[in-house]
Amino acid sequence: MIETKGPATKTAASRKEDNTFNGTRKLIRPHLSLIERKRDPVHVEDPLTHANIDGYSTLEASHAEAFYFQKQMQQQTEMLVVMDDGEELRGIIQWYDKGAIKLLVGRNRVLIYKNGIKYLFKASEAYPAGNIMK
């Protein structure tokens, strides 16, 4: 039997060593400037990307909004949402994300874009006792 040595005949142990990666891997993502995202002519009027066009920061510093929504969802607090045009909606927050909230109004579910909300608060705090408006 002829034995050959060299790169053509590697042992199983040396092949196993070649397949392992001992270093750390780093994910590299390119940084897209805010200007490049704003000048996208296709999505300028698209309401789903409206939050990004306004220069909406993708970083949340305090997470206070997320904490507030999560607390109201867990307690199923009835909320009063006042829209920019003055329309008022009373309901329970079922879901939220960066650009919208889903409100359960009676038996209907309403998706509301956050950029259309003037303000929102607990319905129990809407009007002080004695000053009830109809």
Protein backbone atom coordinates (compact mmCIF):
# COMPACT_ATOMS: atom_id res chain seq x y z
CA MET A 1 0.00 0.00 0.00
CA ILE A 2 1.31 3.43 -0.90
CA GLU A 3 1.01 6.22 1.63
CA THR A 4 0.91 9.75 0.35
CA LYS A 5 1.55 12.69 2.56
CA GLY A 6 0.66 16.24 1.89
CA PRO A 7 -2.44 18.35 1.40
CA ALA A 8 -4.37 15.61 -0.42
CA THR A 9 -4.57 13.35 2.62
CA LYS A 10 -5.69 15.05 5.81
CA THR A 11 -6.71 13.24 8.92
CA ALA A 12 -10.21 13.60 10.32
CA ALA A 13 -8.87 15.67 13.23
CA SER A 14 -7.20 18.21 10.97
CA ARG A 15 -10.37 18.53 8.81
CA LYS A 16 -12.39 19.24 11.95
CA GLU A 17 -9.99 22.00 12.94
CA ASP A 18 -10.39 23.70 9.55
CA ASN A 19 -14.20 23.90 9.94
CA THR A 20 -14.19 25.62 13.32
CA PHE A 21 -14.14 29.39 13.75
CA ASN A 22 -12.36 30.54 16.87
CA GLY A 23 -12.79 34.30 16.52
CA THR A 24 -15.82 36.45 17.25
CA ARG A 25 -18.11 37.53 14.47
CA LYS A 26 -19.28 41.10 14.22
CA LEU A 27 -22.43 42.26 12.49
CA ILE A 28 -21.70 45.27 10.35
CA ARG A 29 -24.57 47.46 9.29
CA PRO A 30 -24.15 50.58 7.19
CA HIS A 31 -25.42 53.78 8.78
CA LEU A 32 -28.09 55.38 6.62
CA SER A 33 -28.22 59.08 7.13
CA LEU A 34 -31.53 60.68 8.05
CA ILE A 35 -31.30 62.80 4.90
CA GLU A 36 -31.28 59.73 2.65
CA ARG A 37 -34.42 58.40 4.36
CA LYS A 38 -36.24 61.74 4.06
CA ARG A 39 -35.68 62.11 0.32
CA ASP A 40 -37.37 58.88 -0.69
CA PRO A 41 -39.81 60.16 -3.39
CA VAL A 42 -41.82 56.92 -3.51
CA HIS A 43 -42.96 56.94 0.13
CA VAL A 44 -43.43 60.69 0.75
CA GLU A 45 -47.21 60.47 0.97
CA ASP A 46 -47.37 56.94 2.38
CA PRO A 47 -48.85 57.11 5.92
CA LEU A 48 -47.02 53.95 6.99
CA THR A 49 -43.63 55.63 6.57
CA HIS A 50 -44.73 59.10 7.65
CA ALA A 51 -43.04 58.79 11.06
CA ASN A 52 -39.64 58.21 9.42
CA ILE A 53 -40.05 61.18 7.07
CA ASP A 54 -40.66 63.60 9.94
CA GLY A 55 -37.23 62.79 11.35
CA TYR A 56 -38.68 60.53 14.00
CA SER A 57 -35.79 59.26 16.07
CA THR A 58 -35.39 55.51 16.09
CA LEU A 59 -33.78 55.62 19.52
CA GLU A 60 -35.98 55.93 22.57
CA ALA A 61 -34.12 57.53 25.44
CA SER A 62 -36.41 56.98 28.43
CA HIS A 63 -38.91 54.35 27.23
CA ALA A 64 -41.55 56.25 29.21
CA GLU A 65 -44.15 56.00 26.43
CA ALA A 66 -43.74 52.22 26.15
CA PHE A 67 -43.96 51.85 29.94
CA TYR A 68 -47.14 53.98 30.06
CA PHE A 69 -48.87 52.06 27.25
CA GLN A 70 -47.87 48.69 28.73
CA LYS A 71 -49.27 49.66 32.14
CA GLN A 72 -52.59 50.85 30.67
CA MET A 73 -52.88 47.67 28.57
CA GLN A 74 -52.29 45.39 31.56
CA GLN A 75 -54.84 47.23 33.72
CA GLN A 76 -57.28 47.54 30.79
CA THR A 77 -57.77 51.21 31.59
CA GLU A 78 -60.35 53.06 29.52
CA MET A 79 -58.53 55.86 27.71
CA LEU A 80 -59.77 59.06 26.10
CA VAL A 81 -57.94 59.88 22.86
CA VAL A 82 -58.38 63.37 21.43
CA MET A 83 -57.48 63.63 17.76
CA ASP A 84 -55.99 66.69 16.01
CA ASP A 85 -59.40 67.60 14.56
CA GLY A 86 -61.06 67.48 18.03
CA GLU A 87 -62.71 64.07 17.69
CA GLU A 88 -62.70 62.06 20.93
CA LEU A 89 -62.46 58.27 21.15
CA ARG A 90 -62.97 56.28 24.36
CA GLY A 91 -61.59 52.79 24.52
CA ILE A 92 -59.06 50.32 25.84
CA ILE A 93 -55.59 50.10 24.32
CA GLN A 94 -55.04 46.61 22.90
CA TRP A 95 -51.78 47.09 21.02
CA TYR A 96 -49.20 49.76 20.20
CA ASP A 97 -46.00 50.23 18.25
CA LYS A 98 -43.72 53.07 17.19
CA GLY A 99 -46.25 54.72 14.88
CA ALA A 100 -49.76 53.57 15.89
CA ILE A 101 -52.04 52.28 18.64
CA LYS A 102 -55.02 49.92 18.40
CA LEU A 103 -57.98 50.93 20.52
CA LEU A 104 -60.99 48.77 21.40
CA VAL A 105 -63.97 51.14 21.13
CA GLY A 106 -67.08 49.22 22.13
CA ARG A 107 -66.94 46.16 19.89
CA ASN A 108 -64.91 47.88 17.19
CA ARG A 109 -61.13 47.91 16.91
CA VAL A 110 -59.67 51.19 15.66
CA LEU A 111 -56.09 51.67 14.45
CA ILE A 112 -54.94 55.22 15.20
CA TYR A 113 -51.74 56.76 13.88
CA LYS A 114 -49.84 58.50 16.67
CA ASN A 115 -49.13 61.53 14.51
CA GLY A 116 -52.91 62.18 14.41
CA ILE A 117 -53.31 62.23 18.22
CA LYS A 118 -53.43 65.58 19.97
CA TYR A 119 -53.33 64.00 23.44
CA LEU A 120 -54.62 61.02 25.41
CA PHE A 121 -55.32 60.29 29.05
CA LYS A 122 -57.36 58.06 31.35
CA ALA A 123 -61.11 58.44 30.78
CA SER A 124 -61.70 58.53 34.55
CA GLU A 125 -59.62 61.73 34.70
CA ALA A 126 -61.36 63.33 31.73
CA TYR A 127 -63.62 65.76 33.52
CA PRO A 128 -63.47 66.69 37.22
CA ALA A 129 -66.56 66.04 39.36
CA GLY A 130 -69.13 68.79 38.87
CA ASN A 131 -67.73 69.93 35.49
CA ILE A 132 -69.15 67.16 33.33
CA MET A 133 -69.51 68.30 29.72
CA LYS A 134 -71.96 66.66 27.34
